[in-house]
Amino acid sequence: MRTILFLNPVFKQMVWGGNQLGDKFGYAIPGDDTGECWGVSAHPNGKSIVREGLFKDKTLSRLWRENPELFGNIDLQFFPLLTKIIDAKGDCSVQVHPGDEYAREHENGSLGKTECWYIIDCEEDAAIVLGHNARSKEELTSMIEQKKWNDLIREVIVKPGDFIQVDSGMVHAIRGGMMVLETQQNSDITYRVYDYGRKIDGKERELHIKQSIDVITVPAPSVEESVKSTVHMPKNRMNELISCHSYVVWKLDITEKLTFEQSHPFMIMSVIEGEGEIDGHKIKKGDHFILPDGYGHVDLQGDMVIIASSVK
């Protein structure tokens, strides 16, 4: 179908959120503690709504149920992906996500959560938490129980344009002063390992120590396996960043014109910089949309950066 599903995002206020989603992306955010823009979501905790055209005012989750042909009639219970832009003014909690099997058994049949990050912007010498230093499950358990966070947590310096794969089981945290485009499985299951002792209304946020120890991968994958720079990738082509069991993700750095065939069950696109056109439709930074199954020939032009994703 040749329709484009332009979506209105959903915003989430967080203890670590800021105002950059308003200042830099022009969104009408609900407050100066807005941490997340769910740009493409069919999750019960935040449902994107089609903003115009044939399916105007329908939620993505409703389209998934009622118009499966838009998504290649994939035999899945839920729309499989969720796309976010994250504005971390403060440090996000150190956390880990379960895989599909553990989540299915322990979280009422939910999907697990594998995700990946594209660093839109960050401060100089900014670091993320990615992995840990424990060599065995026993050492991991001991370090967590003794709160040896400085010994346990592995920090990695990142720069704008870095791409990070965060498999289920990987300890991770986005640090303050960072904006990230996140592509993830359609899941909201997070196990909090450590939250810096922060208090909300006088109480520390709940930790999930048992579940975290259950699902953390030991030893952690190497930094080299998990982080790549995209800054020197060719312009005006689809650069594949990752292809895994949960998704395929591409970066499109457009300075002139890019033409390709949309041959996937669907393709999510998020404009994270600049502006341009797709098949005569004007698009700009902050727009999120889906090209449905059978869309076919695509013409993109302008001066913009797009992160795109689909399933295999």
C-alpha atoms as a PDB file:
ATOM      1  CA  MET A   1       0.000   0.000   0.000  1.00  0.00           C
ATOM      2  CA  ARG A   2       1.358   3.449  -0.946  1.00  0.00           C
ATOM      3  CA  THR A   3       0.152   5.215   2.208  1.00  0.00           C
ATOM      4  CA  ILE A   4       2.662   6.499   4.775  1.00  0.00           C
ATOM      5  CA  LEU A   5       1.681   6.109   8.426  1.00  0.00           C
ATOM      6  CA  PHE A   6       2.803   9.355  10.084  1.00  0.00           C
ATOM      7  CA  LEU A   7       2.551   8.981  13.869  1.00  0.00           C
ATOM      8  CA  ASN A   8       2.067  11.331  16.815  1.00  0.00           C
ATOM      9  CA  PRO A   9       4.493  10.463  19.622  1.00  0.00           C
ATOM     10  CA  VAL A  10       3.816   9.773  23.294  1.00  0.00           C
ATOM     11  CA  PHE A  11       5.916  11.466  26.012  1.00  0.00           C
ATOM     12  CA  LYS A  12       7.124  10.075  29.337  1.00  0.00           C
ATOM     13  CA  GLN A  13       8.199  12.195  32.296  1.00  0.00           C
ATOM     14  CA  MET A  14      11.140  10.707  34.209  1.00  0.00           C
ATOM     15  CA  VAL A  15      13.153  11.539  37.308  1.00  0.00           C
ATOM     16  CA  TRP A  16      16.205  11.920  35.031  1.00  0.00           C
ATOM     17  CA  GLY A  17      14.414  13.698  32.143  1.00  0.00           C
ATOM     18  CA  GLY A  18      14.983  17.207  30.784  1.00  0.00           C
ATOM     19  CA  ASN A  19      13.678  19.721  28.227  1.00  0.00           C
ATOM     20  CA  GLN A  20      15.757  18.914  25.139  1.00  0.00           C
ATOM     21  CA  LEU A  21      12.935  17.069  23.387  1.00  0.00           C
ATOM     22  CA  GLY A  22      11.203  20.433  23.327  1.00  0.00           C
ATOM     23  CA  ASP A  23      14.222  22.649  22.706  1.00  0.00           C
ATOM     24  CA  LYS A  24      15.975  20.538  20.067  1.00  0.00           C
ATOM     25  CA  PHE A  25      13.123  18.592  18.472  1.00  0.00           C
ATOM     26  CA  GLY A  26      10.302  21.122  18.775  1.00  0.00           C
ATOM     27  CA  TYR A  27       7.926  18.738  20.522  1.00  0.00           C
ATOM     28  CA  ALA A  28       5.183  20.084  22.809  1.00  0.00           C
ATOM     29  CA  ILE A  29       6.519  18.266  25.858  1.00  0.00           C
ATOM     30  CA  PRO A  30       4.534  17.955  29.106  1.00  0.00           C
ATOM     31  CA  GLY A  31       7.287  19.331  31.365  1.00  0.00           C
ATOM     32  CA  ASP A  32      10.988  19.958  31.982  1.00  0.00           C
ATOM     33  CA  ASP A  33      11.399  16.381  33.187  1.00  0.00           C
ATOM     34  CA  THR A  34      10.465  14.742  29.886  1.00  0.00           C
ATOM     35  CA  GLY A  35      12.790  11.802  29.441  1.00  0.00           C
ATOM     36  CA  GLU A  36      11.315   9.822  26.574  1.00  0.00           C
ATOM     37  CA  CYS A  37       9.508  10.346  23.286  1.00  0.00           C
ATOM     38  CA  TRP A  38       7.883   7.086  22.197  1.00  0.00           C
ATOM     39  CA  GLY A  39       7.851   7.871  18.490  1.00  0.00           C
ATOM     40  CA  VAL A  40       6.569   4.532  17.222  1.00  0.00           C
ATOM     41  CA  SER A  41       4.769   2.460  19.830  1.00  0.00           C
ATOM     42  CA  ALA A  42       1.942  -0.047  20.026  1.00  0.00           C
ATOM     43  CA  HIS A  43       2.650  -0.807  23.696  1.00  0.00           C
ATOM     44  CA  PRO A  44      -0.234  -0.543  26.208  1.00  0.00           C
ATOM     45  CA  ASN A  45       1.844   1.953  28.235  1.00  0.00           C
ATOM     46  CA  GLY A  46       2.031   4.370  25.300  1.00  0.00           C
ATOM     47  CA  LYS A  47       0.174   4.095  21.990  1.00  0.00           C
ATOM     48  CA  SER A  48       1.161   6.116  18.930  1.00  0.00           C
ATOM     49  CA  ILE A  49      -1.739   7.536  16.919  1.00  0.00           C
ATOM     50  CA  VAL A  50      -1.802   8.083  13.151  1.00  0.00           C
ATOM     51  CA  ARG A  51      -1.873  11.847  12.598  1.00  0.00           C
ATOM     52  CA  GLU A  52      -3.295  12.100   9.054  1.00  0.00           C
ATOM     53  CA  GLY A  53      -4.590  10.273   6.005  1.00  0.00           C
ATOM     54  CA  LEU A  54      -6.697   7.163   5.537  1.00  0.00           C
ATOM     55  CA  PHE A  55      -6.082   5.833   9.055  1.00  0.00           C
ATOM     56  CA  LYS A  56      -6.117   9.165  10.928  1.00  0.00           C
ATOM     57  CA  ASP A  57      -6.737   8.906  14.707  1.00  0.00           C
ATOM     58  CA  LYS A  58      -6.275   5.137  14.805  1.00  0.00           C
ATOM     59  CA  THR A  59      -3.677   3.736  17.192  1.00  0.00           C
ATOM     60  CA  LEU A  60      -0.821   1.653  15.846  1.00  0.00           C
ATOM     61  CA  SER A  61      -1.951  -1.248  18.037  1.00  0.00           C
ATOM     62  CA  ARG A  62      -5.447  -1.076  16.492  1.00  0.00           C
ATOM     63  CA  LEU A  63      -3.994  -1.080  12.974  1.00  0.00           C
ATOM     64  CA  TRP A  64      -1.901  -4.113  13.923  1.00  0.00           C
ATOM     65  CA  ARG A  65      -5.083  -5.956  14.910  1.00  0.00           C
ATOM     66  CA  GLU A  66      -7.455  -4.740  12.215  1.00  0.00           C
ATOM     67  CA  ASN A  67      -5.164  -4.223   9.202  1.00  0.00           C
ATOM     68  CA  PRO A  68      -2.449  -6.879   9.446  1.00  0.00           C
ATOM     69  CA  GLU A  69      -1.842  -6.585   5.704  1.00  0.00           C
ATOM     70  CA  LEU A  70      -0.105  -3.243   6.398  1.00  0.00           C
ATOM     71  CA  PHE A  71       2.599  -5.195   8.229  1.00  0.00           C
ATOM     72  CA  GLY A  72       2.995  -8.181   5.954  1.00  0.00           C
ATOM     73  CA  ASN A  73       0.533 -10.344   7.916  1.00  0.00           C
ATOM     74  CA  ILE A  74       3.326 -11.250  10.335  1.00  0.00           C
ATOM     75  CA  ASP A  75       2.278 -14.055  12.650  1.00  0.00           C
ATOM     76  CA  LEU A  76       3.013 -12.234  15.932  1.00  0.00           C
ATOM     77  CA  GLN A  77       0.661 -11.291  18.757  1.00  0.00           C
ATOM     78  CA  PHE A  78       2.126  -7.781  19.176  1.00  0.00           C
ATOM     79  CA  PHE A  79       3.653  -5.164  16.905  1.00  0.00           C
ATOM     80  CA  PRO A  80       7.295  -6.199  17.450  1.00  0.00           C
ATOM     81  CA  LEU A  81       9.245  -2.940  17.753  1.00  0.00           C
ATOM     82  CA  LEU A  82       9.239   0.314  19.732  1.00  0.00           C
ATOM     83  CA  THR A  83      11.224   3.432  18.776  1.00  0.00           C
ATOM     84  CA  LYS A  84      12.156   6.094  21.349  1.00  0.00           C
ATOM     85  CA  ILE A  85      14.150   9.285  21.599  1.00  0.00           C
ATOM     86  CA  ILE A  86      15.655   9.597  25.069  1.00  0.00           C
ATOM     87  CA  ASP A  87      16.733  12.863  26.719  1.00  0.00           C
ATOM     88  CA  ALA A  88      18.789  12.005  29.788  1.00  0.00           C
ATOM     89  CA  LYS A  89      19.438  15.179  31.754  1.00  0.00           C
ATOM     90  CA  GLY A  90      20.465  13.005  34.701  1.00  0.00           C
ATOM     91  CA  ASP A  91      21.845   9.482  34.910  1.00  0.00           C
ATOM     92  CA  CYS A  92      19.430   6.664  34.077  1.00  0.00           C
ATOM     93  CA  SER A  93      19.386   3.728  36.468  1.00  0.00           C
ATOM     94  CA  VAL A  94      21.783   0.827  35.932  1.00  0.00           C
ATOM     95  CA  GLN A  95      19.522  -1.921  34.600  1.00  0.00           C
ATOM     96  CA  VAL A  96      19.188  -5.116  32.630  1.00  0.00           C
ATOM     97  CA  HIS A  97      16.417  -6.623  30.502  1.00  0.00           C
ATOM     98  CA  PRO A  98      15.321 -10.258  30.314  1.00  0.00           C
ATOM     99  CA  GLY A  99      15.280 -12.353  27.168  1.00  0.00           C
ATOM    100  CA  ASP A 100      12.056 -13.620  25.610  1.00  0.00           C
ATOM    101  CA  GLU A 101      12.018 -16.958  27.424  1.00  0.00           C
ATOM    102  CA  TYR A 102      12.516 -15.489  30.921  1.00  0.00           C
ATOM    103  CA  ALA A 103       9.986 -12.690  30.291  1.00  0.00           C
ATOM    104  CA  ARG A 104       7.408 -15.124  28.928  1.00  0.00           C
ATOM    105  CA  GLU A 105       7.707 -17.247  32.066  1.00  0.00           C
ATOM    106  CA  HIS A 106       8.047 -14.518  34.713  1.00  0.00           C
ATOM    107  CA  GLU A 107       6.329 -11.447  33.197  1.00  0.00           C
ATOM    108  CA  ASN A 108       2.895 -12.675  32.111  1.00  0.00           C
ATOM    109  CA  GLY A 109       3.884 -13.691  28.619  1.00  0.00           C
ATOM    110  CA  SER A 110       5.647 -10.419  27.755  1.00  0.00           C
ATOM    111  CA  LEU A 111       8.370 -10.159  25.161  1.00  0.00           C
ATOM    112  CA  GLY A 112      11.902  -9.794  26.453  1.00  0.00           C
ATOM    113  CA  LYS A 113      13.886  -6.728  25.532  1.00  0.00           C
ATOM    114  CA  THR A 114      16.860  -6.431  23.236  1.00  0.00           C
ATOM    115  CA  GLU A 115      17.582  -2.835  22.252  1.00  0.00           C
ATOM    116  CA  CYS A 116      20.115  -0.625  20.493  1.00  0.00           C
ATOM    117  CA  TRP A 117      21.134   3.011  20.783  1.00  0.00           C
ATOM    118  CA  TYR A 118      22.215   5.621  18.269  1.00  0.00           C
ATOM    119  CA  ILE A 119      23.934   8.509  20.085  1.00  0.00           C
ATOM    120  CA  ILE A 120      22.349  11.671  18.664  1.00  0.00           C
ATOM    121  CA  ASP A 121      24.257  14.023  20.961  1.00  0.00           C
ATOM    122  CA  CYS A 122      26.328  13.898  24.134  1.00  0.00           C
ATOM    123  CA  GLU A 123      28.829  15.909  26.103  1.00  0.00           C
ATOM    124  CA  GLU A 124      32.554  15.534  25.450  1.00  0.00           C
ATOM    125  CA  ASP A 125      34.009  12.401  27.110  1.00  0.00           C
ATOM    126  CA  ALA A 126      30.487  11.227  27.955  1.00  0.00           C
ATOM    127  CA  ALA A 127      30.295   7.665  29.221  1.00  0.00           C
ATOM    128  CA  ILE A 128      27.647   4.979  29.263  1.00  0.00           C
ATOM    129  CA  VAL A 129      27.421   1.915  31.462  1.00  0.00           C
ATOM    130  CA  LEU A 130      27.799  -1.101  29.190  1.00  0.00           C
ATOM    131  CA  GLY A 131      28.497  -4.487  30.722  1.00  0.00           C
ATOM    132  CA  HIS A 132      30.278  -5.455  33.924  1.00  0.00           C
ATOM    133  CA  ASN A 133      33.571  -6.839  35.203  1.00  0.00           C
ATOM    134  CA  ALA A 134      32.406  -9.990  37.012  1.00  0.00           C
ATOM    135  CA  ARG A 135      34.020 -13.208  35.740  1.00  0.00           C
ATOM    136  CA  SER A 136      31.450 -15.623  37.160  1.00  0.00           C
ATOM    137  CA  LYS A 137      27.857 -15.674  38.390  1.00  0.00           C
ATOM    138  CA  GLU A 138      29.169 -16.111  41.936  1.00  0.00           C
ATOM    139  CA  GLU A 139      31.399 -13.038  41.654  1.00  0.00           C
ATOM    140  CA  LEU A 140      28.523 -11.068  40.109  1.00  0.00           C
ATOM    141  CA  THR A 141      26.198 -12.012  42.969  1.00  0.00           C
ATOM    142  CA  SER A 142      28.819 -11.138  45.581  1.00  0.00           C
ATOM    143  CA  MET A 143      29.629  -7.740  44.043  1.00  0.00           C
ATOM    144  CA  ILE A 144      25.927  -6.810  43.809  1.00  0.00           C
ATOM    145  CA  GLU A 145      25.151  -7.970  47.338  1.00  0.00           C
ATOM    146  CA  GLN A 146      28.168  -6.048  48.698  1.00  0.00           C
ATOM    147  CA  LYS A 147      27.250  -2.992  46.585  1.00  0.00           C
ATOM    148  CA  LYS A 148      30.680  -2.852  44.939  1.00  0.00           C
ATOM    149  CA  TRP A 149      29.302  -0.781  42.106  1.00  0.00           C
ATOM    150  CA  ASN A 150      32.587   0.887  41.097  1.00  0.00           C
ATOM    151  CA  ASP A 151      34.226  -2.517  40.738  1.00  0.00           C
ATOM    152  CA  LEU A 152      31.285  -4.134  39.000  1.00  0.00           C
ATOM    153  CA  ILE A 153      30.127  -1.565  36.441  1.00  0.00           C
ATOM    154  CA  ARG A 154      31.998  -1.133  33.151  1.00  0.00           C
ATOM    155  CA  GLU A 155      31.980   2.371  31.672  1.00  0.00           C
ATOM    156  CA  VAL A 156      32.573   3.145  27.999  1.00  0.00           C
ATOM    157  CA  ILE A 157      33.344   6.575  26.482  1.00  0.00           C
ATOM    158  CA  VAL A 158      31.023   7.384  23.556  1.00  0.00           C
ATOM    159  CA  LYS A 159      30.643  10.101  20.918  1.00  0.00           C
ATOM    160  CA  PRO A 160      27.802  11.381  18.718  1.00  0.00           C
ATOM    161  CA  GLY A 161      27.250   8.906  15.891  1.00  0.00           C
ATOM    162  CA  ASP A 162      28.171   5.846  17.953  1.00  0.00           C
ATOM    163  CA  PHE A 163      25.856   2.851  17.703  1.00  0.00           C
ATOM    164  CA  ILE A 164      25.505   0.412  20.597  1.00  0.00           C
ATOM    165  CA  GLN A 165      23.822  -2.987  20.610  1.00  0.00           C
ATOM    166  CA  VAL A 166      22.366  -3.864  24.040  1.00  0.00           C
ATOM    167  CA  ASP A 167      21.331  -7.504  24.064  1.00  0.00           C
ATOM    168  CA  SER A 168      19.036  -8.859  26.753  1.00  0.00           C
ATOM    169  CA  GLY A 169      21.212  -9.769  29.734  1.00  0.00           C
ATOM    170  CA  MET A 170      23.570  -6.791  29.205  1.00  0.00           C
ATOM    171  CA  VAL A 171      23.975  -4.402  32.166  1.00  0.00           C
ATOM    172  CA  HIS A 172      23.561  -0.862  30.850  1.00  0.00           C
ATOM    173  CA  ALA A 173      22.737   2.773  31.614  1.00  0.00           C
ATOM    174  CA  ILE A 174      22.567   6.023  29.683  1.00  0.00           C
ATOM    175  CA  ARG A 175      24.336   8.804  31.564  1.00  0.00           C
ATOM    176  CA  GLY A 176      23.283  12.438  31.922  1.00  0.00           C
ATOM    177  CA  GLY A 177      23.825  14.925  29.091  1.00  0.00           C
ATOM    178  CA  MET A 178      22.959  12.459  26.337  1.00  0.00           C
ATOM    179  CA  MET A 179      20.284  12.156  23.621  1.00  0.00           C
ATOM    180  CA  VAL A 180      19.720   8.720  22.144  1.00  0.00           C
ATOM    181  CA  LEU A 181      17.515   7.155  19.471  1.00  0.00           C
ATOM    182  CA  GLU A 182      16.565   3.734  20.782  1.00  0.00           C
ATOM    183  CA  THR A 183      15.185   0.844  18.754  1.00  0.00           C
ATOM    184  CA  GLN A 184      13.912  -2.011  20.905  1.00  0.00           C
ATOM    185  CA  GLN A 185      11.594  -4.955  21.156  1.00  0.00           C
ATOM    186  CA  ASN A 186       8.054  -3.949  22.077  1.00  0.00           C
ATOM    187  CA  SER A 187       8.512  -4.511  25.793  1.00  0.00           C
ATOM    188  CA  ASP A 188       8.576  -2.332  28.900  1.00  0.00           C
ATOM    189  CA  ILE A 189      10.250  -4.896  31.206  1.00  0.00           C
ATOM    190  CA  THR A 190      13.221  -3.409  33.044  1.00  0.00           C
ATOM    191  CA  TYR A 191      15.103  -4.820  36.033  1.00  0.00           C
ATOM    192  CA  ARG A 192      16.780  -2.066  38.023  1.00  0.00           C
ATOM    193  CA  VAL A 193      20.149  -3.135  39.453  1.00  0.00           C
ATOM    194  CA  TYR A 194      21.310   0.184  40.954  1.00  0.00           C
ATOM    195  CA  ASP A 195      19.806   3.679  41.105  1.00  0.00           C
ATOM    196  CA  TYR A 196      22.500   5.768  42.856  1.00  0.00           C
ATOM    197  CA  GLY A 197      20.405   5.851  46.033  1.00  0.00           C
ATOM    198  CA  ARG A 198      18.021   8.389  44.471  1.00  0.00           C
ATOM    199  CA  LYS A 199      14.801   9.097  46.315  1.00  0.00           C
ATOM    200  CA  ILE A 200      11.375  10.091  44.983  1.00  0.00           C
ATOM    201  CA  ASP A 201       8.977  11.453  47.605  1.00  0.00           C
ATOM    202  CA  GLY A 202      11.447  10.284  50.250  1.00  0.00           C
ATOM    203  CA  LYS A 203      11.631   6.701  49.001  1.00  0.00           C
ATOM    204  CA  GLU A 204      14.268   4.949  46.935  1.00  0.00           C
ATOM    205  CA  ARG A 205      12.987   3.380  43.713  1.00  0.00           C
ATOM    206  CA  GLU A 206      12.450  -0.356  43.726  1.00  0.00           C
ATOM    207  CA  LEU A 207      15.392  -2.554  42.730  1.00  0.00           C
ATOM    208  CA  HIS A 208      15.052  -5.989  41.138  1.00  0.00           C
ATOM    209  CA  ILE A 209      18.127  -7.779  42.427  1.00  0.00           C
ATOM    210  CA  LYS A 210      16.989 -11.404  42.157  1.00  0.00           C
ATOM    211  CA  GLN A 211      15.661 -10.992  38.621  1.00  0.00           C
ATOM    212  CA  SER A 212      18.793  -9.076  37.599  1.00  0.00           C
ATOM    213  CA  ILE A 213      21.122 -11.804  38.836  1.00  0.00           C
ATOM    214  CA  ASP A 214      18.952 -14.371  37.069  1.00  0.00           C
ATOM    215  CA  VAL A 215      19.250 -12.724  33.656  1.00  0.00           C
ATOM    216  CA  ILE A 216      22.644 -10.900  33.562  1.00  0.00           C
ATOM    217  CA  THR A 217      24.986 -12.482  31.018  1.00  0.00           C
ATOM    218  CA  VAL A 218      28.330 -13.562  32.510  1.00  0.00           C
ATOM    219  CA  PRO A 219      30.897 -12.753  31.290  1.00  0.00           C
ATOM    220  CA  ALA A 220      29.659  -9.595  29.569  1.00  0.00           C
ATOM    221  CA  PRO A 221      30.100  -9.254  25.793  1.00  0.00           C
ATOM    222  CA  SER A 222      33.168  -7.224  24.813  1.00  0.00           C
ATOM    223  CA  VAL A 223      32.990  -3.501  24.070  1.00  0.00           C
ATOM    224  CA  GLU A 224      34.267  -4.212  20.544  1.00  0.00           C
ATOM    225  CA  GLU A 225      31.293  -6.510  19.921  1.00  0.00           C
ATOM    226  CA  SER A 226      28.808  -3.931  21.138  1.00  0.00           C
ATOM    227  CA  VAL A 227      29.936  -0.456  19.944  1.00  0.00           C
ATOM    228  CA  LYS A 228      30.621   0.902  16.459  1.00  0.00           C
ATOM    229  CA  SER A 229      31.103   4.379  15.026  1.00  0.00           C
ATOM    230  CA  THR A 230      28.890   5.422  12.110  1.00  0.00           C
ATOM    231  CA  VAL A 231      30.428   8.811  11.326  1.00  0.00           C
ATOM    232  CA  HIS A 232      32.412   7.684   8.270  1.00  0.00           C
ATOM    233  CA  MET A 233      29.688   5.546   6.702  1.00  0.00           C
ATOM    234  CA  PRO A 234      28.784   6.441   3.085  1.00  0.00           C
ATOM    235  CA  LYS A 235      26.158   9.084   2.510  1.00  0.00           C
ATOM    236  CA  ASN A 236      23.016   8.637   0.419  1.00  0.00           C
ATOM    237  CA  ARG A 237      22.708   4.908   0.982  1.00  0.00           C
ATOM    238  CA  MET A 238      21.171   2.534   3.517  1.00  0.00           C
ATOM    239  CA  ASN A 239      23.928   1.589   5.968  1.00  0.00           C
ATOM    240  CA  GLU A 240      23.031  -1.512   7.969  1.00  0.00           C
ATOM    241  CA  LEU A 241      24.002  -1.035  11.624  1.00  0.00           C
ATOM    242  CA  ILE A 242      22.748  -4.331  13.054  1.00  0.00           C
ATOM    243  CA  SER A 243      20.831  -7.406  12.000  1.00  0.00           C
ATOM    244  CA  CYS A 244      19.783  -9.620  14.902  1.00  0.00           C
ATOM    245  CA  HIS A 245      16.891 -11.881  15.886  1.00  0.00           C
ATOM    246  CA  SER A 246      14.769  -8.883  16.970  1.00  0.00           C
ATOM    247  CA  TYR A 247      15.354  -6.243  14.278  1.00  0.00           C
ATOM    248  CA  VAL A 248      17.398  -4.793  11.445  1.00  0.00           C
ATOM    249  CA  VAL A 249      18.501  -1.150  11.822  1.00  0.00           C
ATOM    250  CA  TRP A 250      19.916   1.228   9.213  1.00  0.00           C
ATOM    251  CA  LYS A 251      21.347   4.750   9.159  1.00  0.00           C
ATOM    252  CA  LEU A 252      20.529   7.007   6.205  1.00  0.00           C
ATOM    253  CA  ASP A 253      22.647  10.166   5.962  1.00  0.00           C
ATOM    254  CA  ILE A 254      21.018  12.004   3.076  1.00  0.00           C
ATOM    255  CA  THR A 255      22.639  15.007   1.382  1.00  0.00           C
ATOM    256  CA  GLU A 256      21.212  14.578  -2.128  1.00  0.00           C
ATOM    257  CA  LYS A 257      18.874  11.771  -3.159  1.00  0.00           C
ATOM    258  CA  LEU A 258      18.385   8.145  -2.135  1.00  0.00           C
ATOM    259  CA  THR A 259      16.159   5.670  -3.965  1.00  0.00           C
ATOM    260  CA  PHE A 260      15.392   2.146  -2.769  1.00  0.00           C
ATOM    261  CA  GLU A 261      12.672  -0.511  -2.651  1.00  0.00           C
ATOM    262  CA  GLN A 262      10.747  -1.014   0.601  1.00  0.00           C
ATOM    263  CA  SER A 263      10.567  -4.807   0.489  1.00  0.00           C
ATOM    264  CA  HIS A 264      10.289  -5.533   4.219  1.00  0.00           C
ATOM    265  CA  PRO A 265       7.037  -6.323   6.122  1.00  0.00           C
ATOM    266  CA  PHE A 266       7.182  -2.676   7.252  1.00  0.00           C
ATOM    267  CA  MET A 267       9.841  -0.021   7.746  1.00  0.00           C
ATOM    268  CA  ILE A 268       9.976   2.440  10.645  1.00  0.00           C
ATOM    269  CA  MET A 269      11.715   5.747   9.945  1.00  0.00           C
ATOM    270  CA  SER A 270      12.695   8.480  12.415  1.00  0.00           C
ATOM    271  CA  VAL A 271      14.187  11.779  11.234  1.00  0.00           C
ATOM    272  CA  ILE A 272      16.793  12.792  13.826  1.00  0.00           C
ATOM    273  CA  GLU A 273      18.411  15.691  11.974  1.00  0.00           C
ATOM    274  CA  GLY A 274      17.544  18.084   9.158  1.00  0.00           C
ATOM    275  CA  GLU A 275      14.626  18.019   6.744  1.00  0.00           C
ATOM    276  CA  GLY A 276      13.646  16.851   3.293  1.00  0.00           C
ATOM    277  CA  GLU A 277      10.998  14.909   1.388  1.00  0.00           C
ATOM    278  CA  ILE A 278       9.819  11.351   0.979  1.00  0.00           C
ATOM    279  CA  ASP A 279       7.829  10.781  -2.214  1.00  0.00           C
ATOM    280  CA  GLY A 280       6.662  14.398  -2.189  1.00  0.00           C
ATOM    281  CA  HIS A 281       5.779  14.501   1.532  1.00  0.00           C
ATOM    282  CA  LYS A 282       7.787  17.058   3.512  1.00  0.00           C
ATOM    283  CA  ILE A 283       9.516  15.554   6.564  1.00  0.00           C
ATOM    284  CA  LYS A 284      11.657  17.113   9.275  1.00  0.00           C
ATOM    285  CA  LYS A 285      13.583  16.406  12.449  1.00  0.00           C
ATOM    286  CA  GLY A 286      11.292  14.733  14.976  1.00  0.00           C
ATOM    287  CA  ASP A 287       8.995  13.010  12.454  1.00  0.00           C
ATOM    288  CA  HIS A 288       8.306   9.289  12.887  1.00  0.00           C
ATOM    289  CA  PHE A 289       6.504   7.219  10.277  1.00  0.00           C
ATOM    290  CA  ILE A 290       6.039   3.716   8.899  1.00  0.00           C
ATOM    291  CA  LEU A 291       6.219   2.564   5.290  1.00  0.00           C
ATOM    292  CA  PRO A 292       3.856  -0.436   5.165  1.00  0.00           C
ATOM    293  CA  ASP A 293       4.231  -3.761   3.398  1.00  0.00           C
ATOM    294  CA  GLY A 294       4.169  -3.496  -0.380  1.00  0.00           C
ATOM    295  CA  TYR A 295       5.085   0.207  -0.366  1.00  0.00           C
ATOM    296  CA  GLY A 296       7.679  -0.421  -3.037  1.00  0.00           C
ATOM    297  CA  HIS A 297       9.749   2.373  -4.609  1.00  0.00           C
ATOM    298  CA  VAL A 298      10.973   5.087  -2.199  1.00  0.00           C
ATOM    299  CA  ASP A 299      12.482   8.461  -3.138  1.00  0.00           C
ATOM    300  CA  LEU A 300      14.172  10.416  -0.338  1.00  0.00           C
ATOM    301  CA  GLN A 301      15.846  13.767  -0.834  1.00  0.00           C
ATOM    302  CA  GLY A 302      17.037  16.653   1.297  1.00  0.00           C
ATOM    303  CA  ASP A 303      19.642  17.192   3.978  1.00  0.00           C
ATOM    304  CA  MET A 304      18.766  14.907   6.886  1.00  0.00           C
ATOM    305  CA  VAL A 305      19.683  11.880   8.974  1.00  0.00           C
ATOM    306  CA  ILE A 306      17.193   9.021   9.383  1.00  0.00           C
ATOM    307  CA  ILE A 307      17.358   5.911  11.543  1.00  0.00           C
ATOM    308  CA  ALA A 308      15.227   3.129  10.042  1.00  0.00           C
ATOM    309  CA  SER A 309      14.289  -0.312  11.317  1.00  0.00           C
ATOM    310  CA  SER A 310      12.310  -3.414  10.505  1.00  0.00           C
ATOM    311  CA  VAL A 311      12.172  -7.112  11.282  1.00  0.00           C
ATOM    312  CA  LYS A 312      13.755  -9.880   9.225  1.00  0.00           C
END
